Amino acid sequence: MSLGSSNRTESSSPEAVTTMVCDKLLPNWLCYCVLLLGVCVVVENILLVATIWRGSSTSLAESSYVFLASLAVADGLVGGAGLVLTISYLRIYPEDGHVYPPSNFLSVVIIIDQTLMLISVIHMAVLALDRYLYILEPFVYVRRVTRKIIMATVAGTWFIGILTMSLPSLHYISHPWTPFCEATDTHRVFAVSMSSAYLVVVALTCFAYFKIFREVKRHERSIAVLRVPPPHGSDSARVRTTTVNPPKNTKTNFHQGNPSTTASSQNHVGSTEDEIETQSSSESESFHKKEKWKSTLKLVKFLLLVFGTFIALTLPSTLSLLLSSLIQVRRDVAFFLVSLLPVNCSVNFFIVLYRDGAFRKELKRLIRDTGNFIGRNS
């Protein structure tokens, strides 16, 4: 996707390998805004990773936080790549239109930026599938999904993203010494590969959240059935209405010295106490399961918010990436859509900060301890 106009000239001198000519269309103030946004993205994601790493042994030990930390690494690198591209664009001199970063270097930065965006999408799918497996088989998940499996999943996520973009990337940089303007144009093979992989992973993520929604509805229906009062005369109804006190004639029979009646009354009382104790234990277990389910649903809603924000900010950029390889797209519109990518990379930090109390607590501890460390060594 081009940041400059298509009007460009190439020098026939040996300096052509390092000197490219472009026409500068975007104002510097807009570039500085994107530059500031890139700095914020890098700082925010460093804080996110550091906070999750610090709390990984206490309140932030769930697998979802590990995937969020890996996603933050990808987002931080996207912000760094955006900084490099913006600085390169600012180095286009209005007088002669020359820019001096090597074109192959800029091509590699663009490839890294797009690959990291695909890795971020794959992280969204992994987060959704992880929560779906937990909701579907919670006991099997807790027993079998270990820390090693989680870290292997993170490594596989990065490997799949890099492997998916490797072949189109080789085609993208097949022409050496491409001018900066052309290096940022979208090659059709690269754009189609990137957009196709993006849409496939997004469809998989939507399918996982649809399955989660069905499981939630099924669980709510089962809870509604359990809340229906049992019919009068059933065993559970008798347990609720029966007291631990013996029948009224027990005392009379006891004073009359009838041992069989007394023993029968005591057995009845003991049986009633066992039934009530069993019911209390069942209700306590049901309460803990309900609280666990509420916590899981809260996390699912949080991840769904992250995914929805991601789609809202990355889908226009991906579609513009695809369209710019097929039709002519205005450069300022394309630049605006591309600038939404670092916005998405920064918004995840604020979503986690707003929705997660455990994260806020760990972040406060991290900031306080960092301030104390700086104060002691200053």
Protein backbone atom coordinates (compact mmCIF):
# COMPACT_ATOMS: atom_id res chain seq x y z
CA MET A 1 0.00 0.00 0.00
CA SER A 2 1.56 3.20 -1.12
CA LEU A 3 2.18 6.18 1.10
CA GLY A 4 3.34 8.37 -1.76
CA SER A 5 2.13 9.04 -5.26
CA SER A 6 2.88 6.79 -8.19
CA ASN A 7 4.86 9.56 -9.90
CA ARG A 8 8.47 8.59 -9.32
CA THR A 9 11.76 8.71 -11.15
CA GLU A 10 14.75 6.44 -10.93
CA SER A 11 18.32 7.49 -11.29
CA SER A 12 20.61 5.57 -13.61
CA SER A 13 23.59 6.30 -11.40
CA PRO A 14 25.00 3.74 -8.93
CA GLU A 15 23.35 5.71 -6.15
CA ALA A 16 19.99 4.42 -7.41
CA VAL A 17 20.36 1.40 -5.17
CA THR A 18 20.04 3.58 -2.09
CA THR A 19 18.33 6.72 -3.37
CA MET A 20 14.64 6.67 -4.25
CA VAL A 21 12.41 9.48 -5.45
CA CYS A 22 8.83 9.97 -4.26
CA ASP A 23 6.24 12.73 -4.13
CA LYS A 24 5.21 13.56 -0.59
CA LEU A 25 1.44 13.75 -0.20
CA LEU A 26 0.75 13.46 3.53
CA PRO A 27 1.31 16.39 5.93
CA ASN A 28 4.02 16.06 8.53
CA TRP A 29 1.62 16.62 11.45
CA LEU A 30 -0.32 13.47 10.51
CA CYS A 31 2.90 11.49 10.39
CA TYR A 32 3.90 12.81 13.81
CA CYS A 33 0.51 11.72 15.20
CA VAL A 34 1.09 8.20 13.88
CA LEU A 35 4.62 8.34 15.29
CA LEU A 36 3.29 9.25 18.75
CA LEU A 37 0.72 6.47 18.48
CA GLY A 38 3.46 3.98 17.68
CA VAL A 39 5.41 5.01 20.79
CA CYS A 40 2.27 4.54 22.92
CA VAL A 41 1.68 1.11 21.39
CA VAL A 42 5.19 -0.06 22.25
CA VAL A 43 5.05 1.28 25.84
CA GLU A 44 1.55 -0.08 26.54
CA ASN A 45 2.34 -3.58 25.32
CA ILE A 46 5.59 -3.67 27.29
CA LEU A 47 3.55 -2.85 30.41
CA LEU A 48 1.00 -5.52 29.49
CA VAL A 49 3.63 -8.23 29.05
CA ALA A 50 5.53 -7.20 32.20
CA THR A 51 2.36 -7.18 34.32
CA ILE A 52 1.20 -10.60 33.13
CA TRP A 53 4.70 -12.01 33.58
CA ARG A 54 4.86 -10.64 37.12
CA GLY A 55 1.44 -12.02 38.06
CA SER A 56 1.84 -15.36 36.27
CA SER A 57 2.45 -17.16 39.58
CA THR A 58 -0.57 -15.67 41.37
CA SER A 59 -3.71 -14.07 39.98
CA LEU A 60 -2.77 -14.04 36.28
CA ALA A 61 -1.88 -17.71 35.91
CA GLU A 62 -4.66 -18.78 33.51
CA SER A 63 -3.82 -19.83 29.97
CA SER A 64 -5.74 -16.89 28.50
CA TYR A 65 -3.28 -14.45 30.08
CA VAL A 66 -0.35 -16.31 28.48
CA PHE A 67 -1.99 -15.93 25.07
CA LEU A 68 -2.73 -12.26 25.81
CA ALA A 69 0.95 -11.71 26.66
CA SER A 70 2.00 -13.32 23.37
CA LEU A 71 -0.56 -11.16 21.55
CA ALA A 72 0.91 -8.09 23.27
CA VAL A 73 4.38 -9.02 21.98
CA ALA A 74 3.02 -9.14 18.43
CA ASP A 75 1.16 -5.84 18.89
CA GLY A 76 4.27 -4.16 20.29
CA LEU A 77 6.30 -5.27 17.28
CA VAL A 78 3.57 -3.95 14.97
CA GLY A 79 3.94 -0.58 16.70
CA GLY A 80 7.71 -0.74 16.25
CA ALA A 81 7.36 -1.52 12.54
CA GLY A 82 4.96 1.39 12.21
CA LEU A 83 7.54 3.67 13.80
CA VAL A 84 10.16 2.61 11.25
CA LEU A 85 7.82 3.16 8.30
CA THR A 86 6.65 6.56 9.57
CA ILE A 87 10.19 7.78 10.21
CA SER A 88 11.15 6.60 6.72
CA TYR A 89 8.28 8.56 5.23
CA LEU A 90 9.29 11.68 7.20
CA ARG A 91 12.77 11.40 5.67
CA ILE A 92 11.35 12.12 2.22
CA TYR A 93 12.72 15.58 1.49
CA PRO A 94 10.14 17.91 -0.09
CA GLU A 95 12.84 19.71 -2.11
CA ASP A 96 14.02 16.80 -4.23
CA GLY A 97 11.76 13.95 -3.12
CA HIS A 98 14.68 11.73 -2.12
CA VAL A 99 14.49 9.19 0.69
CA TYR A 100 17.49 7.22 1.80
CA PRO A 101 16.50 4.01 3.65
CA PRO A 102 17.36 0.94 1.53
CA SER A 103 14.31 -0.29 -0.35
CA ASN A 104 14.84 -3.95 0.58
CA PHE A 105 14.95 -2.94 4.23
CA LEU A 106 11.61 -1.16 3.92
CA SER A 107 10.12 -4.14 2.09
CA VAL A 108 11.19 -6.43 4.93
CA VAL A 109 9.66 -4.05 7.49
CA ILE A 110 6.36 -4.03 5.60
CA ILE A 111 6.40 -7.84 5.40
CA ILE A 112 7.08 -8.08 9.14
CA ASP A 113 4.26 -5.65 9.87
CA GLN A 114 1.71 -7.61 7.82
CA THR A 115 2.92 -10.96 9.18
CA LEU A 116 2.55 -9.72 12.75
CA MET A 117 -1.01 -8.64 11.99
CA LEU A 118 -1.79 -12.17 10.79
CA ILE A 119 -0.19 -13.59 13.94
CA SER A 120 -2.46 -11.32 15.99
CA VAL A 121 -5.50 -12.71 14.17
CA ILE A 122 -4.35 -16.28 14.88
CA HIS A 123 -4.02 -15.36 18.55
CA MET A 124 -7.68 -14.30 18.53
CA ALA A 125 -8.65 -17.72 17.16
CA VAL A 126 -6.49 -19.52 19.74
CA LEU A 127 -8.08 -17.52 22.58
CA ALA A 128 -11.58 -18.41 21.37
CA LEU A 129 -10.77 -22.11 20.92
CA ASP A 130 -9.06 -22.23 24.32
CA ARG A 131 -12.17 -20.92 26.09
CA TYR A 132 -14.44 -23.22 24.06
CA LEU A 133 -12.46 -26.31 25.11
CA TYR A 134 -12.53 -25.14 28.72
CA ILE A 135 -16.30 -24.66 28.68
CA LEU A 136 -16.92 -27.94 26.84
CA GLU A 137 -14.73 -30.19 29.03
CA PRO A 138 -13.54 -28.23 32.09
CA PHE A 139 -12.24 -31.21 34.08
CA VAL A 140 -10.34 -32.69 31.12
CA TYR A 141 -8.96 -29.23 30.30
CA VAL A 142 -7.63 -28.62 33.81
CA ARG A 143 -6.07 -32.08 33.96
CA ARG A 144 -4.44 -32.23 30.53
CA VAL A 145 -3.71 -28.67 29.40
CA THR A 146 -0.41 -28.04 31.15
CA ARG A 147 1.98 -25.12 31.02
CA LYS A 148 4.12 -26.91 28.43
CA ILE A 149 1.13 -27.41 26.13
CA ILE A 150 0.22 -23.72 26.45
CA MET A 151 3.75 -22.59 25.56
CA ALA A 152 3.85 -25.05 22.65
CA THR A 153 0.56 -23.58 21.40
CA VAL A 154 2.04 -20.08 21.56
CA ALA A 155 5.10 -21.21 19.60
CA GLY A 156 2.86 -22.94 17.06
CA THR A 157 0.82 -19.77 16.63
CA TRP A 158 3.91 -17.78 15.70
CA PHE A 159 5.22 -20.54 13.46
CA ILE A 160 1.95 -20.84 11.50
CA GLY A 161 1.80 -17.07 10.96
CA ILE A 162 5.39 -16.86 9.74
CA LEU A 163 5.03 -19.95 7.54
CA THR A 164 1.81 -18.65 5.96
CA MET A 165 3.44 -15.38 4.92
CA SER A 166 6.86 -16.77 3.92
CA LEU A 167 6.08 -17.71 0.30
CA PRO A 168 4.19 -14.52 -0.65
CA SER A 169 6.92 -12.54 1.11
CA LEU A 170 9.56 -14.09 -1.15
CA HIS A 171 7.51 -13.01 -4.14
CA TYR A 172 7.08 -9.55 -2.62
CA ILE A 173 10.83 -8.87 -2.42
CA SER A 174 11.74 -10.67 -5.65
CA HIS A 175 12.57 -7.36 -7.40
CA PRO A 176 15.67 -5.79 -5.79
CA TRP A 177 16.21 -2.08 -5.38
CA THR A 178 12.53 -1.23 -5.63
CA PRO A 179 11.84 2.47 -4.92
CA PHE A 180 10.18 3.27 -1.61
CA CYS A 181 6.88 4.25 -3.24
CA GLU A 182 6.75 0.99 -5.14
CA ALA A 183 7.95 -1.01 -2.16
CA THR A 184 4.90 0.14 -0.27
CA ASP A 185 2.55 -0.68 -3.16
CA THR A 186 0.56 -3.84 -2.58
CA HIS A 187 1.59 -6.78 -4.74
CA ARG A 188 -1.41 -8.88 -5.74
CA VAL A 189 -0.01 -12.25 -4.62
CA PHE A 190 0.98 -10.86 -1.24
CA ALA A 191 -2.34 -9.07 -0.72
CA VAL A 192 -4.51 -12.04 -1.72
CA SER A 193 -2.51 -14.42 0.49
CA MET A 194 -2.66 -12.05 3.44
CA SER A 195 -6.36 -11.28 3.09
CA SER A 196 -7.34 -14.92 2.53
CA ALA A 197 -5.48 -16.11 5.61
CA TYR A 198 -6.98 -13.27 7.64
CA LEU A 199 -10.55 -14.06 6.59
CA VAL A 200 -10.13 -17.81 7.18
CA VAL A 201 -8.85 -17.28 10.72
CA VAL A 202 -11.58 -14.72 11.47
CA ALA A 203 -14.22 -17.19 10.26
CA LEU A 204 -12.72 -19.86 12.54
CA THR A 205 -12.82 -17.46 15.49
CA CYS A 206 -16.45 -16.55 14.82
CA PHE A 207 -17.32 -20.26 14.66
CA ALA A 208 -15.65 -20.85 18.04
CA TYR A 209 -17.61 -18.01 19.66
CA PHE A 210 -20.82 -19.36 18.08
CA LYS A 211 -20.15 -22.75 19.71
CA ILE A 212 -19.43 -21.00 23.01
CA PHE A 213 -22.76 -19.16 22.71
CA ARG A 214 -24.59 -22.46 22.17
CA GLU A 215 -22.90 -24.03 25.19
CA VAL A 216 -23.84 -21.03 27.32
CA LYS A 217 -27.48 -21.27 26.24
CA ARG A 218 -27.53 -25.01 26.92
CA HIS A 219 -26.09 -24.46 30.39
CA GLU A 220 -28.64 -21.73 31.14
CA ARG A 221 -31.47 -24.07 30.13
CA SER A 222 -30.15 -26.78 32.44
CA ILE A 223 -29.97 -24.28 35.31
CA ALA A 224 -33.55 -23.20 34.61
CA VAL A 225 -34.69 -26.85 34.80
CA LEU A 226 -32.94 -27.31 38.15
CA ARG A 227 -34.70 -24.24 39.55
CA VAL A 228 -38.18 -25.71 38.87
CA PRO A 229 -39.64 -26.86 42.24
CA PRO A 230 -40.16 -30.64 42.49
CA PRO A 231 -43.73 -32.02 42.52
CA HIS A 232 -45.44 -32.44 45.87
CA GLY A 233 -44.81 -35.81 47.42
CA SER A 234 -41.44 -36.46 45.75
CA ASP A 235 -38.35 -37.49 47.72
CA SER A 236 -36.72 -34.05 47.44
CA ALA A 237 -39.91 -32.38 48.64
CA ARG A 238 -40.01 -34.68 51.65
CA VAL A 239 -36.38 -33.81 52.44
CA ARG A 240 -37.23 -30.10 52.45
CA THR A 241 -40.31 -30.51 54.65
CA THR A 242 -38.99 -33.15 57.04
CA THR A 243 -37.34 -31.87 60.22
CA VAL A 244 -34.79 -33.53 62.43
CA ASN A 245 -37.31 -33.64 65.31
CA PRO A 246 -38.87 -37.05 65.98
CA PRO A 247 -42.61 -37.62 65.63
CA LYS A 248 -44.87 -36.39 68.37
CA ASN A 249 -45.60 -39.89 69.74
CA THR A 250 -41.91 -40.75 70.07
CA LYS A 251 -41.66 -39.20 73.51
CA THR A 252 -44.76 -41.02 74.71
CA ASN A 253 -43.54 -44.33 73.36
CA PHE A 254 -40.14 -43.80 74.94
CA HIS A 255 -41.64 -43.25 78.38
CA GLN A 256 -43.84 -46.28 77.84
CA GLY A 257 -40.69 -48.31 77.35
CA ASN A 258 -41.36 -49.50 73.78
CA PRO A 259 -37.82 -50.12 72.44
CA SER A 260 -38.88 -50.98 68.88
CA THR A 261 -40.71 -47.68 68.42
CA THR A 262 -37.81 -45.74 69.92
CA ALA A 263 -35.27 -47.42 67.64
CA SER A 264 -37.47 -46.77 64.62
CA SER A 265 -37.71 -43.10 65.53
CA GLN A 266 -33.95 -42.80 65.96
CA ASN A 267 -33.32 -44.48 62.60
CA HIS A 268 -35.79 -42.10 60.98
CA VAL A 269 -34.01 -39.09 62.49
CA GLY A 270 -30.59 -40.38 61.41
CA SER A 271 -31.80 -41.02 57.88
CA THR A 272 -33.27 -37.52 57.67
CA GLU A 273 -30.02 -35.96 58.89
CA ASP A 274 -28.04 -37.89 56.25
CA GLU A 275 -30.41 -36.72 53.52
CA ILE A 276 -30.16 -33.11 54.65
CA GLU A 277 -26.35 -33.33 54.86
CA THR A 278 -26.20 -34.81 51.36
CA GLN A 279 -28.48 -32.07 50.06
CA SER A 280 -26.35 -29.37 51.72
CA SER A 281 -23.19 -30.82 50.19
CA SER A 282 -24.85 -30.95 46.77
CA GLU A 283 -26.03 -27.34 47.10
CA SER A 284 -22.52 -26.22 48.13
CA GLU A 285 -20.97 -27.99 45.14
CA SER A 286 -23.60 -26.48 42.86
CA PHE A 287 -22.83 -23.02 44.28
CA HIS A 288 -19.09 -23.38 43.57
CA LYS A 289 -19.80 -24.60 40.04
CA LYS A 290 -22.09 -21.63 39.49
CA GLU A 291 -19.41 -19.19 40.68
CA LYS A 292 -16.83 -20.87 38.45
CA TRP A 293 -19.23 -20.61 35.53
CA LYS A 294 -19.80 -16.90 36.19
CA SER A 295 -16.04 -16.31 36.19
CA THR A 296 -15.68 -18.19 32.91
CA LEU A 297 -18.51 -16.22 31.28
CA LYS A 298 -16.93 -12.96 32.44
CA LEU A 299 -13.66 -13.93 30.76
CA VAL A 300 -15.48 -14.98 27.57
CA LYS A 301 -17.28 -11.61 27.41
CA PHE A 302 -13.95 -9.84 27.87
CA LEU A 303 -12.30 -11.84 25.07
CA LEU A 304 -15.31 -11.25 22.83
CA LEU A 305 -14.91 -7.50 23.40
CA VAL A 306 -11.22 -7.75 22.47
CA PHE A 307 -12.09 -9.71 19.33
CA GLY A 308 -14.86 -7.30 18.32
CA THR A 309 -12.54 -4.31 18.68
CA PHE A 310 -9.89 -6.14 16.69
CA ILE A 311 -12.31 -6.85 13.83
CA ALA A 312 -13.60 -3.26 13.77
CA LEU A 313 -10.09 -1.84 13.42
CA THR A 314 -8.37 -4.45 11.22
CA LEU A 315 -11.06 -5.53 8.77
CA PRO A 316 -11.11 -2.16 6.91
CA SER A 317 -7.31 -2.22 6.66
CA THR A 318 -7.30 -5.77 5.32
CA LEU A 319 -10.00 -5.03 2.76
CA SER A 320 -8.14 -1.91 1.62
CA LEU A 321 -4.99 -4.02 1.33
CA LEU A 322 -6.86 -6.40 -0.97
CA LEU A 323 -8.62 -3.68 -2.96
CA SER A 324 -5.45 -1.67 -3.52
CA SER A 325 -3.98 -4.66 -5.37
CA LEU A 326 -7.03 -4.85 -7.64
CA ILE A 327 -8.22 -1.26 -8.10
CA GLN A 328 -6.85 2.23 -7.57
CA VAL A 329 -7.33 3.43 -3.97
CA ARG A 330 -6.77 7.01 -2.87
CA ARG A 331 -3.47 7.26 -1.02
CA ASP A 332 -4.76 9.33 1.88
CA VAL A 333 -7.66 6.90 2.43
CA ALA A 334 -5.28 3.95 2.32
CA PHE A 335 -2.93 5.62 4.80
CA PHE A 336 -5.81 6.32 7.19
CA LEU A 337 -6.96 2.69 7.08
CA VAL A 338 -3.44 1.41 7.66
CA SER A 339 -3.10 3.76 10.64
CA LEU A 340 -5.98 1.87 12.30
CA LEU A 341 -3.68 -1.11 12.82
CA PRO A 342 -1.55 0.51 15.57
CA VAL A 343 -4.77 1.90 17.09
CA ASN A 344 -5.98 -1.67 17.55
CA CYS A 345 -2.62 -2.64 19.03
CA SER A 346 -3.02 0.05 21.69
CA VAL A 347 -6.68 -0.47 22.56
CA ASN A 348 -6.19 -3.99 23.96
CA PHE A 349 -4.22 -2.61 26.90
CA PHE A 350 -7.07 -0.29 27.89
CA ILE A 351 -9.67 -3.06 27.53
CA VAL A 352 -7.71 -5.33 29.86
CA LEU A 353 -7.12 -2.43 32.25
CA TYR A 354 -10.84 -1.58 32.36
CA ARG A 355 -12.31 -5.08 32.59
CA ASP A 356 -9.79 -7.01 34.69
CA GLY A 357 -9.41 -6.15 38.37
CA ALA A 358 -6.58 -8.66 38.89
CA PHE A 359 -4.59 -7.01 36.09
CA ARG A 360 -5.12 -3.55 37.60
CA LYS A 361 -3.88 -4.80 40.96
CA GLU A 362 -0.73 -6.32 39.45
CA LEU A 363 -0.10 -3.21 37.35
CA LYS A 364 -0.27 -0.99 40.45
CA ARG A 365 2.21 -3.27 42.21
CA LEU A 366 4.53 -3.18 39.20
CA ILE A 367 4.46 0.62 38.99
CA ARG A 368 4.94 1.00 42.76
CA ASP A 369 7.87 -1.45 42.90
CA THR A 370 9.47 0.14 39.83
CA GLY A 371 9.19 3.58 41.43
CA ASN A 372 10.72 2.29 44.68
CA PHE A 373 13.59 0.68 42.74
CA ILE A 374 14.31 3.89 40.84
CA GLY A 375 14.12 5.89 44.08
CA ARG A 376 16.62 3.63 45.83
CA ASN A 377 19.12 3.77 42.97
CA SER A 378 18.83 7.47 42.16
